[in-house]
Amino acid sequence: MFHLLLIFTLFMSAPTERMNESDQIFNFTMTALEGGDVDLSSFQDKVVLFVNTASKCGFTGQYSELQELYETYSDKGFVILGFPSADFGGQEFDADEDIAEFCERNYGVSFPMFSRISVKGSDQHPLFEKLTTAENPDFTGDINWNFEKFLVDQNGNLIRRFRSRTTPMSTEMTSSIEALLSNE
């Protein structure tokens, strides 16, 4: 009887532990590309796509589809958060002002973008440490290149992770977003 009670207790507590651990994704305060602090808890209760970006990469053209994706679903409770990084071949501008100008001028980016950070290595930002180690059905571990994407539900749980080659408007991406938006 004791073993059954112990198993039942462990089973019932697992989702709460995962939820509490995943909620930490929304506990970060990040610096906006234009300056100023942004509390990620302001995005709680939304479906969030975290993307590590770069302005001088072969995948930079994905900004167009990211903007289209944002415009398609933003009024339904979806947001994209872009995090510029120079971790892969130094393919990002040094100054946040240059990144902001590039994104606006070339792609009309209107979704929230943040100050340049490190998404891998010994100086990896803790937000991306959390995202790269969180359980999900796809994979965990280091980011391989620019424009990897992390789809997080309204409770802060990492639901899907997509490599750079998965385009933002792909059926795989849009169907995953739509499924989360319909769960509200």
N, C-alpha and C. Protein backbone atom coordinates (compact mmCIF):
# COMPACT_ATOMS: atom_id res chain seq x y z
N MET A 1 0.82 -1.19 0.00
CA MET A 1 0.00 0.00 0.00
C MET A 1 0.87 1.26 0.00
N PHE A 2 1.92 1.26 0.82
CA PHE A 2 2.81 2.41 0.90
C PHE A 2 3.44 2.71 -0.47
N HIS A 3 3.83 1.65 -1.21
CA HIS A 3 4.44 1.85 -2.53
C HIS A 3 3.45 2.47 -3.50
N LEU A 4 2.20 2.04 -3.45
CA LEU A 4 1.19 2.63 -4.32
C LEU A 4 0.98 4.11 -4.00
N LEU A 5 0.94 4.42 -2.71
CA LEU A 5 0.76 5.80 -2.29
C LEU A 5 1.96 6.65 -2.74
N LEU A 6 3.17 6.12 -2.60
CA LEU A 6 4.36 6.83 -3.02
C LEU A 6 4.35 7.07 -4.53
N ILE A 7 4.02 6.05 -5.31
CA ILE A 7 3.96 6.19 -6.77
C ILE A 7 2.90 7.22 -7.15
N PHE A 8 1.72 7.15 -6.53
CA PHE A 8 0.64 8.09 -6.82
C PHE A 8 1.09 9.52 -6.49
N THR A 9 1.74 9.70 -5.36
CA THR A 9 2.20 11.03 -4.94
C THR A 9 3.23 11.58 -5.93
N LEU A 10 4.18 10.74 -6.34
CA LEU A 10 5.18 11.18 -7.31
C LEU A 10 4.55 11.51 -8.65
N PHE A 11 3.59 10.69 -9.08
CA PHE A 11 2.92 10.92 -10.35
C PHE A 11 2.14 12.24 -10.33
N MET A 12 1.43 12.48 -9.24
CA MET A 12 0.60 13.68 -9.15
C MET A 12 1.44 14.95 -8.99
N SER A 13 2.64 14.84 -8.42
CA SER A 13 3.45 16.04 -8.22
C SER A 13 4.30 16.38 -9.44
N ALA A 14 4.51 15.47 -10.35
CA ALA A 14 5.39 15.73 -11.49
C ALA A 14 4.94 16.91 -12.34
N PRO A 15 3.66 17.02 -12.75
CA PRO A 15 3.28 18.16 -13.57
C PRO A 15 3.47 19.49 -12.85
N THR A 16 3.22 19.53 -11.55
CA THR A 16 3.40 20.77 -10.80
C THR A 16 4.88 21.17 -10.80
N GLU A 17 5.76 20.20 -10.59
CA GLU A 17 7.18 20.51 -10.61
C GLU A 17 7.60 21.02 -11.97
N ARG A 18 7.10 20.38 -13.03
CA ARG A 18 7.46 20.84 -14.37
C ARG A 18 6.92 22.24 -14.61
N MET A 19 5.69 22.48 -14.19
CA MET A 19 5.09 23.79 -14.37
C MET A 19 5.90 24.85 -13.61
N ASN A 20 6.23 24.58 -12.36
CA ASN A 20 6.99 25.55 -11.58
C ASN A 20 8.36 25.82 -12.20
N GLU A 21 9.01 24.76 -12.68
CA GLU A 21 10.31 24.93 -13.31
C GLU A 21 10.17 25.69 -14.62
N SER A 22 9.16 25.36 -15.43
CA SER A 22 8.97 26.02 -16.71
C SER A 22 8.55 27.46 -16.54
N ASP A 23 7.79 27.76 -15.48
CA ASP A 23 7.37 29.13 -15.24
C ASP A 23 8.56 30.07 -15.14
N GLN A 24 9.70 29.53 -14.80
CA GLN A 24 10.90 30.37 -14.67
C GLN A 24 11.26 31.06 -15.98
N ILE A 25 10.81 30.53 -17.10
CA ILE A 25 11.06 31.17 -18.39
C ILE A 25 10.50 32.59 -18.38
N PHE A 26 9.38 32.79 -17.70
CA PHE A 26 8.76 34.10 -17.63
C PHE A 26 9.29 34.94 -16.46
N ASN A 27 10.26 34.45 -15.72
CA ASN A 27 10.80 35.19 -14.58
C ASN A 27 11.99 36.08 -14.94
N PHE A 28 12.38 36.10 -16.21
CA PHE A 28 13.52 36.90 -16.64
C PHE A 28 13.10 38.32 -16.99
N THR A 29 14.00 39.25 -16.75
CA THR A 29 13.86 40.61 -17.23
C THR A 29 14.96 40.82 -18.26
N MET A 30 14.57 41.22 -19.45
CA MET A 30 15.52 41.36 -20.55
C MET A 30 15.56 42.82 -20.99
N THR A 31 16.62 43.19 -21.69
CA THR A 31 16.76 44.55 -22.20
C THR A 31 16.22 44.60 -23.63
N ALA A 32 15.28 45.49 -23.87
CA ALA A 32 14.72 45.67 -25.21
C ALA A 32 15.77 46.25 -26.14
N LEU A 33 15.63 45.98 -27.41
CA LEU A 33 16.56 46.47 -28.42
C LEU A 33 16.65 48.00 -28.39
N GLU A 34 15.53 48.66 -28.11
CA GLU A 34 15.50 50.12 -28.04
C GLU A 34 15.95 50.64 -26.68
N GLY A 35 16.26 49.74 -25.76
CA GLY A 35 16.64 50.11 -24.41
C GLY A 35 15.47 49.93 -23.46
N GLY A 36 15.76 49.86 -22.20
CA GLY A 36 14.73 49.66 -21.19
C GLY A 36 14.51 48.18 -20.90
N ASP A 37 14.07 47.92 -19.70
CA ASP A 37 13.84 46.55 -19.26
C ASP A 37 12.45 46.07 -19.65
N VAL A 38 12.38 44.80 -20.00
CA VAL A 38 11.11 44.16 -20.31
C VAL A 38 11.00 42.92 -19.43
N ASP A 39 9.98 42.88 -18.62
CA ASP A 39 9.71 41.73 -17.77
C ASP A 39 8.98 40.68 -18.61
N LEU A 40 9.61 39.52 -18.79
CA LEU A 40 9.00 38.49 -19.64
C LEU A 40 7.67 37.97 -19.08
N SER A 41 7.40 38.24 -17.81
CA SER A 41 6.10 37.84 -17.26
C SER A 41 4.96 38.56 -17.96
N SER A 42 5.25 39.67 -18.65
CA SER A 42 4.21 40.37 -19.41
C SER A 42 3.72 39.55 -20.60
N PHE A 43 4.45 38.48 -20.95
CA PHE A 43 4.05 37.62 -22.06
C PHE A 43 3.41 36.32 -21.59
N GLN A 44 3.34 36.16 -20.26
CA GLN A 44 2.69 34.97 -19.71
C GLN A 44 1.23 34.99 -20.17
N ASP A 45 0.65 33.85 -20.35
CA ASP A 45 -0.70 33.67 -20.88
C ASP A 45 -0.77 33.87 -22.39
N LYS A 46 0.38 33.98 -23.05
CA LYS A 46 0.44 34.01 -24.51
C LYS A 46 1.25 32.80 -24.99
N VAL A 47 1.05 32.42 -26.22
CA VAL A 47 1.92 31.46 -26.87
C VAL A 47 3.11 32.26 -27.39
N VAL A 48 4.32 31.84 -27.02
CA VAL A 48 5.52 32.63 -27.32
C VAL A 48 6.50 31.80 -28.16
N LEU A 49 7.01 32.43 -29.21
CA LEU A 49 8.07 31.83 -30.01
C LEU A 49 9.35 32.62 -29.75
N PHE A 50 10.31 31.98 -29.08
CA PHE A 50 11.62 32.57 -28.83
C PHE A 50 12.52 32.20 -30.01
N VAL A 51 13.23 33.19 -30.56
CA VAL A 51 14.09 32.94 -31.72
C VAL A 51 15.42 33.64 -31.51
N ASN A 52 16.52 32.91 -31.70
CA ASN A 52 17.83 33.56 -31.72
C ASN A 52 18.10 34.01 -33.15
N THR A 53 18.35 35.30 -33.32
CA THR A 53 18.44 35.89 -34.65
C THR A 53 19.84 36.42 -34.95
N ALA A 54 20.06 36.74 -36.22
CA ALA A 54 21.32 37.36 -36.66
C ALA A 54 21.05 38.11 -37.96
N SER A 55 21.66 39.27 -38.13
CA SER A 55 21.40 40.14 -39.27
C SER A 55 22.20 39.79 -40.52
N LYS A 56 23.27 39.00 -40.39
CA LYS A 56 24.15 38.74 -41.53
C LYS A 56 24.29 37.24 -41.79
N CYS A 57 23.20 36.53 -41.73
CA CYS A 57 23.19 35.06 -41.83
C CYS A 57 22.43 34.62 -43.07
N GLY A 58 22.71 33.44 -43.53
CA GLY A 58 21.96 32.88 -44.65
C GLY A 58 20.48 32.68 -44.33
N PHE A 59 20.14 32.60 -43.04
CA PHE A 59 18.74 32.44 -42.62
C PHE A 59 18.08 33.78 -42.28
N THR A 60 18.78 34.90 -42.44
CA THR A 60 18.24 36.20 -42.06
C THR A 60 16.93 36.51 -42.78
N GLY A 61 16.76 36.01 -43.97
CA GLY A 61 15.51 36.19 -44.72
C GLY A 61 14.29 35.68 -43.97
N GLN A 62 14.50 34.83 -42.96
CA GLN A 62 13.37 34.33 -42.17
C GLN A 62 12.68 35.45 -41.40
N TYR A 63 13.33 36.60 -41.25
CA TYR A 63 12.66 37.74 -40.62
C TYR A 63 11.33 38.04 -41.33
N SER A 64 11.29 37.91 -42.66
CA SER A 64 10.05 38.18 -43.40
C SER A 64 8.93 37.26 -42.96
N GLU A 65 9.22 35.96 -42.87
CA GLU A 65 8.21 35.00 -42.44
C GLU A 65 7.90 35.14 -40.96
N LEU A 66 8.88 35.50 -40.15
CA LEU A 66 8.60 35.72 -38.73
C LEU A 66 7.61 36.88 -38.58
N GLN A 67 7.82 37.96 -39.35
CA GLN A 67 6.90 39.09 -39.30
C GLN A 67 5.50 38.67 -39.78
N GLU A 68 5.45 37.88 -40.85
CA GLU A 68 4.15 37.39 -41.36
C GLU A 68 3.46 36.53 -40.31
N LEU A 69 4.22 35.66 -39.67
CA LEU A 69 3.68 34.79 -38.62
C LEU A 69 3.12 35.63 -37.47
N TYR A 70 3.89 36.63 -37.07
CA TYR A 70 3.46 37.53 -36.00
C TYR A 70 2.17 38.25 -36.38
N GLU A 71 2.11 38.79 -37.57
CA GLU A 71 0.91 39.50 -38.01
C GLU A 71 -0.30 38.57 -38.13
N THR A 72 -0.07 37.32 -38.48
CA THR A 72 -1.16 36.36 -38.62
C THR A 72 -1.78 35.98 -37.28
N TYR A 73 -0.97 35.81 -36.26
CA TYR A 73 -1.47 35.26 -34.99
C TYR A 73 -1.41 36.20 -33.79
N SER A 74 -0.83 37.38 -33.92
CA SER A 74 -0.64 38.24 -32.74
C SER A 74 -1.95 38.65 -32.09
N ASP A 75 -3.01 38.81 -32.86
CA ASP A 75 -4.29 39.21 -32.26
C ASP A 75 -5.03 38.03 -31.64
N LYS A 76 -4.42 36.84 -31.71
CA LYS A 76 -5.03 35.63 -31.13
C LYS A 76 -4.31 35.17 -29.87
N GLY A 77 -3.32 35.96 -29.40
CA GLY A 77 -2.60 35.58 -28.18
C GLY A 77 -1.23 34.98 -28.44
N PHE A 78 -0.59 35.37 -29.54
CA PHE A 78 0.73 34.85 -29.93
C PHE A 78 1.72 36.00 -30.03
N VAL A 79 2.95 35.76 -29.63
CA VAL A 79 4.01 36.76 -29.76
C VAL A 79 5.33 36.08 -30.11
N ILE A 80 6.14 36.79 -30.86
CA ILE A 80 7.50 36.35 -31.17
C ILE A 80 8.45 37.24 -30.40
N LEU A 81 9.46 36.65 -29.79
CA LEU A 81 10.50 37.40 -29.10
C LEU A 81 11.84 37.08 -29.77
N GLY A 82 12.46 38.09 -30.35
CA GLY A 82 13.72 37.91 -31.06
C GLY A 82 14.92 38.29 -30.22
N PHE A 83 15.94 37.42 -30.23
CA PHE A 83 17.14 37.63 -29.43
C PHE A 83 18.37 37.57 -30.33
N PRO A 84 18.86 38.72 -30.78
CA PRO A 84 20.05 38.75 -31.63
C PRO A 84 21.26 38.16 -30.90
N SER A 85 22.08 37.45 -31.69
CA SER A 85 23.27 36.83 -31.13
C SER A 85 24.37 36.79 -32.20
N ALA A 86 25.60 36.95 -31.76
CA ALA A 86 26.75 36.86 -32.67
C ALA A 86 27.53 35.58 -32.41
N ASP A 87 26.89 34.58 -31.80
CA ASP A 87 27.59 33.35 -31.42
C ASP A 87 27.99 32.47 -32.60
N PHE A 88 27.39 32.69 -33.76
CA PHE A 88 27.64 31.81 -34.89
C PHE A 88 28.29 32.63 -36.01
N GLY A 89 29.60 32.64 -36.02
CA GLY A 89 30.34 33.34 -37.06
C GLY A 89 30.29 34.85 -36.95
N GLY A 90 29.92 35.39 -35.80
CA GLY A 90 29.89 36.84 -35.63
C GLY A 90 28.93 37.52 -36.60
N GLN A 91 27.80 36.88 -36.89
CA GLN A 91 26.88 37.36 -37.92
C GLN A 91 25.84 38.36 -37.42
N GLU A 92 26.19 39.12 -36.40
CA GLU A 92 25.28 40.14 -35.88
C GLU A 92 26.06 41.43 -35.66
N PHE A 93 25.38 42.55 -35.86
CA PHE A 93 25.98 43.86 -35.59
C PHE A 93 26.34 43.96 -34.11
N ASP A 94 27.31 44.81 -33.80
CA ASP A 94 27.71 45.04 -32.42
C ASP A 94 26.71 45.91 -31.67
N ALA A 95 26.21 46.94 -32.33
CA ALA A 95 25.34 47.92 -31.67
C ALA A 95 23.86 47.58 -31.85
N ASP A 96 23.11 47.67 -30.76
CA ASP A 96 21.67 47.41 -30.81
C ASP A 96 20.97 48.35 -31.79
N GLU A 97 21.43 49.60 -31.89
CA GLU A 97 20.82 50.56 -32.81
C GLU A 97 20.94 50.08 -34.25
N ASP A 98 22.08 49.49 -34.61
CA ASP A 98 22.28 48.98 -35.97
C ASP A 98 21.37 47.78 -36.23
N ILE A 99 21.21 46.93 -35.22
CA ILE A 99 20.32 45.76 -35.36
C ILE A 99 18.89 46.24 -35.58
N ALA A 100 18.44 47.19 -34.75
CA ALA A 100 17.08 47.71 -34.85
C ALA A 100 16.83 48.34 -36.22
N GLU A 101 17.77 49.15 -36.66
CA GLU A 101 17.62 49.80 -37.97
C GLU A 101 17.56 48.77 -39.09
N PHE A 102 18.44 47.78 -39.04
CA PHE A 102 18.47 46.73 -40.06
C PHE A 102 17.13 45.99 -40.11
N CYS A 103 16.62 45.58 -38.95
CA CYS A 103 15.38 44.79 -38.90
C CYS A 103 14.18 45.60 -39.40
N GLU A 104 14.11 46.86 -39.02
CA GLU A 104 13.00 47.71 -39.43
C GLU A 104 13.08 48.04 -40.92
N ARG A 105 14.25 48.47 -41.36
CA ARG A 105 14.42 48.91 -42.75
C ARG A 105 14.23 47.75 -43.74
N ASN A 106 14.79 46.59 -43.44
CA ASN A 106 14.78 45.49 -44.41
C ASN A 106 13.59 44.55 -44.28
N TYR A 107 13.01 44.44 -43.08
CA TYR A 107 11.96 43.44 -42.88
C TYR A 107 10.72 43.97 -42.18
N GLY A 108 10.72 45.23 -41.78
CA GLY A 108 9.55 45.80 -41.10
C GLY A 108 9.20 45.09 -39.81
N VAL A 109 10.21 44.60 -39.11
CA VAL A 109 9.99 43.83 -37.88
C VAL A 109 9.27 44.69 -36.84
N SER A 110 8.13 44.20 -36.37
CA SER A 110 7.38 44.92 -35.33
C SER A 110 7.19 44.07 -34.07
N PHE A 111 7.63 42.82 -34.09
CA PHE A 111 7.55 42.01 -32.88
C PHE A 111 8.70 42.40 -31.95
N PRO A 112 8.57 42.13 -30.65
CA PRO A 112 9.60 42.54 -29.70
C PRO A 112 10.97 41.92 -29.99
N MET A 113 11.96 42.78 -30.02
CA MET A 113 13.35 42.35 -30.19
C MET A 113 14.13 42.83 -28.97
N PHE A 114 15.15 42.08 -28.64
CA PHE A 114 15.91 42.35 -27.43
C PHE A 114 17.37 42.61 -27.74
N SER A 115 18.06 43.15 -26.77
CA SER A 115 19.47 43.45 -26.89
C SER A 115 20.26 42.17 -27.17
N ARG A 116 21.34 42.32 -27.89
CA ARG A 116 22.19 41.19 -28.27
C ARG A 116 22.67 40.44 -27.03
N ILE A 117 22.56 39.12 -27.07
CA ILE A 117 23.01 38.26 -25.97
C ILE A 117 23.73 37.05 -26.53
N SER A 118 24.30 36.26 -25.64
CA SER A 118 24.91 35.00 -26.02
C SER A 118 23.91 33.88 -25.76
N VAL A 119 23.73 33.01 -26.75
CA VAL A 119 22.76 31.92 -26.62
C VAL A 119 23.42 30.55 -26.47
N LYS A 120 24.75 30.54 -26.43
CA LYS A 120 25.48 29.28 -26.21
C LYS A 120 26.84 29.59 -25.60
N GLY A 121 27.50 28.55 -25.14
CA GLY A 121 28.84 28.71 -24.61
C GLY A 121 28.87 29.09 -23.14
N SER A 122 30.07 29.42 -22.67
CA SER A 122 30.27 29.70 -21.24
C SER A 122 29.55 30.97 -20.79
N ASP A 123 29.24 31.88 -21.71
CA ASP A 123 28.52 33.10 -21.35
C ASP A 123 27.05 33.08 -21.81
N GLN A 124 26.53 31.87 -22.03
CA GLN A 124 25.13 31.71 -22.44
C GLN A 124 24.20 32.38 -21.43
N HIS A 125 23.26 33.15 -21.94
CA HIS A 125 22.29 33.80 -21.07
C HIS A 125 21.45 32.72 -20.38
N PRO A 126 21.12 32.88 -19.10
CA PRO A 126 20.32 31.87 -18.38
C PRO A 126 18.97 31.55 -19.03
N LEU A 127 18.36 32.52 -19.73
CA LEU A 127 17.11 32.23 -20.43
C LEU A 127 17.33 31.13 -21.47
N PHE A 128 18.39 31.24 -22.23
CA PHE A 128 18.65 30.22 -23.26
C PHE A 128 19.22 28.94 -22.67
N GLU A 129 19.83 29.03 -21.52
CA GLU A 129 20.21 27.80 -20.82
C GLU A 129 18.96 27.02 -20.46
N LYS A 130 17.94 27.73 -19.97
CA LYS A 130 16.66 27.11 -19.61
C LYS A 130 15.99 26.53 -20.86
N LEU A 131 15.95 27.31 -21.95
CA LEU A 131 15.28 26.85 -23.17
C LEU A 131 15.98 25.63 -23.79
N THR A 132 17.30 25.61 -23.78
CA THR A 132 18.02 24.51 -24.44
C THR A 132 18.04 23.23 -23.62
N THR A 133 17.69 23.31 -22.34
CA THR A 133 17.68 22.11 -21.50
C THR A 133 16.28 21.64 -21.13
N ALA A 134 15.26 22.43 -21.45
CA ALA A 134 13.88 22.07 -21.09
C ALA A 134 13.41 20.86 -21.90
N GLU A 135 12.72 19.97 -21.22
CA GLU A 135 12.17 18.79 -21.90
C GLU A 135 11.16 19.22 -22.95
N ASN A 136 11.17 18.51 -24.07
CA ASN A 136 10.22 18.73 -25.15
C ASN A 136 10.28 17.51 -26.06
N PRO A 137 9.32 17.31 -26.95
CA PRO A 137 9.31 16.10 -27.78
C PRO A 137 10.34 16.10 -28.91
N ASP A 138 11.03 17.21 -29.12
CA ASP A 138 11.93 17.30 -30.26
C ASP A 138 13.38 16.99 -29.90
N PHE A 139 14.05 17.86 -29.18
CA PHE A 139 15.44 17.64 -28.81
C PHE A 139 15.86 18.67 -27.78
N THR A 140 16.95 18.40 -27.08
CA THR A 140 17.54 19.34 -26.14
C THR A 140 18.99 19.53 -26.54
N GLY A 141 19.66 20.44 -25.87
CA GLY A 141 21.08 20.64 -26.12
C GLY A 141 21.35 21.96 -26.80
N ASP A 142 22.62 22.17 -27.10
CA ASP A 142 23.06 23.44 -27.66
C ASP A 142 22.32 23.83 -28.93
N ILE A 143 22.21 25.12 -29.13
CA ILE A 143 21.70 25.67 -30.38
C ILE A 143 22.78 25.45 -31.43
N ASN A 144 22.37 24.98 -32.62
CA ASN A 144 23.34 24.71 -33.69
C ASN A 144 23.67 25.92 -34.54
N TRP A 145 22.69 26.85 -34.70
CA TRP A 145 22.91 27.99 -35.58
C TRP A 145 21.86 29.05 -35.31
N ASN A 146 21.96 30.15 -36.02
CA ASN A 146 20.99 31.24 -35.92
C ASN A 146 19.60 30.78 -36.36
N PHE A 147 18.59 31.42 -35.82
CA PHE A 147 17.19 31.20 -36.16
C PHE A 147 16.65 29.84 -35.72
N GLU A 148 17.16 29.31 -34.60
CA GLU A 148 16.47 28.19 -33.96
C GLU A 148 15.29 28.79 -33.22
N LYS A 149 14.24 27.98 -33.09
CA LYS A 149 12.98 28.50 -32.55
C LYS A 149 12.48 27.61 -31.43
N PHE A 150 11.95 28.25 -30.38
CA PHE A 150 11.45 27.57 -29.19
C PHE A 150 10.00 28.00 -28.98
N LEU A 151 9.07 27.08 -29.09
CA LEU A 151 7.64 27.39 -28.93
C LEU A 151 7.21 27.05 -27.51
N VAL A 152 6.75 28.07 -26.79
CA VAL A 152 6.39 27.94 -25.38
C VAL A 152 4.91 28.21 -25.22
N ASP A 153 4.24 27.39 -24.42
CA ASP A 153 2.80 27.58 -24.21
C ASP A 153 2.51 28.68 -23.20
N GLN A 154 1.23 28.91 -22.97
CA GLN A 154 0.77 29.98 -22.10
C GLN A 154 1.22 29.82 -20.65
N ASN A 155 1.62 28.63 -20.26
CA ASN A 155 2.07 28.36 -18.90
C ASN A 155 3.60 28.35 -18.77
N GLY A 156 4.30 28.62 -19.85
CA GLY A 156 5.75 28.65 -19.80
C GLY A 156 6.43 27.32 -20.09
N ASN A 157 5.68 26.35 -20.60
CA ASN A 157 6.26 25.05 -20.92
C ASN A 157 6.78 25.04 -22.36
N LEU A 158 7.99 24.54 -22.57
CA LEU A 158 8.53 24.40 -23.92
C LEU A 158 7.79 23.24 -24.58
N ILE A 159 7.08 23.52 -25.64
CA ILE A 159 6.25 22.53 -26.32
C ILE A 159 6.94 21.95 -27.54
N ARG A 160 7.61 22.81 -28.32
CA ARG A 160 8.30 22.36 -29.52
C ARG A 160 9.59 23.15 -29.67
N ARG A 161 10.54 22.53 -30.35
CA ARG A 161 11.79 23.21 -30.69
C ARG A 161 12.09 22.90 -32.15
N PHE A 162 12.47 23.93 -32.88
CA PHE A 162 12.68 23.80 -34.32
C PHE A 162 14.08 24.29 -34.69
N ARG A 163 14.74 23.54 -35.54
CA ARG A 163 16.06 23.95 -36.03
C ARG A 163 15.89 25.09 -37.04
N SER A 164 17.00 25.66 -37.44
CA SER A 164 17.01 26.82 -38.33
C SER A 164 16.31 26.58 -39.66
N ARG A 165 16.41 25.39 -40.18
CA ARG A 165 15.84 25.10 -41.50
C ARG A 165 14.31 25.06 -41.50
N THR A 166 13.69 24.95 -40.34
CA THR A 166 12.23 24.99 -40.28
C THR A 166 11.80 26.45 -40.41
N THR A 167 11.12 26.74 -41.50
CA THR A 167 10.74 28.13 -41.75
C THR A 167 9.52 28.51 -40.90
N PRO A 168 9.43 29.78 -40.53
CA PRO A 168 8.35 30.22 -39.65
C PRO A 168 6.94 29.93 -40.18
N MET A 169 6.71 30.02 -41.47
CA MET A 169 5.37 29.79 -42.01
C MET A 169 5.16 28.36 -42.47
N SER A 170 6.05 27.45 -42.09
CA SER A 170 5.89 26.05 -42.46
C SER A 170 4.64 25.47 -41.78
N THR A 171 4.07 24.45 -42.37
CA THR A 171 2.90 23.80 -41.79
C THR A 171 3.21 23.25 -40.41
N GLU A 172 4.40 22.72 -40.23
CA GLU A 172 4.80 22.19 -38.93
C GLU A 172 4.73 23.28 -37.85
N MET A 173 5.20 24.46 -38.19
CA MET A 173 5.20 25.57 -37.23
C MET A 173 3.79 26.10 -37.01
N THR A 174 3.08 26.42 -38.08
CA THR A 174 1.76 27.03 -37.94
C THR A 174 0.76 26.09 -37.28
N SER A 175 0.84 24.80 -37.58
CA SER A 175 -0.09 23.86 -36.94
C SER A 175 0.19 23.72 -35.45
N SER A 176 1.46 23.80 -35.06
CA SER A 176 1.81 23.74 -33.63
C SER A 176 1.30 24.98 -32.90
N ILE A 177 1.42 26.13 -33.53
CA ILE A 177 0.93 27.38 -32.92
C ILE A 177 -0.59 27.35 -32.81
N GLU A 178 -1.25 26.96 -33.90
CA GLU A 178 -2.71 26.90 -33.89
C GLU A 178 -3.24 25.94 -32.84
N ALA A 179 -2.58 24.82 -32.65
CA ALA A 179 -3.01 23.85 -31.63
C ALA A 179 -2.92 24.46 -30.24
N LEU A 180 -1.85 25.19 -29.96
CA LEU A 180 -1.71 25.84 -28.65
C LEU A 180 -2.72 26.96 -28.47
N LEU A 181 -2.97 27.73 -29.49
CA LEU A 181 -3.95 28.82 -29.40
C LEU A 181 -5.36 28.31 -29.21
N SER A 182 -5.66 27.13 -29.73
CA SER A 182 -7.01 26.58 -29.58
C SER A 182 -7.22 25.93 -28.21
N ASN A 183 -6.14 25.74 -27.44
CA ASN A 183 -6.23 25.13 -26.11
C ASN A 183 -6.65 26.10 -25.03
N GLU A 184 -6.78 27.38 -25.34
CA GLU A 184 -7.12 28.38 -24.31
C GLU A 184 -8.52 28.17 -23.78
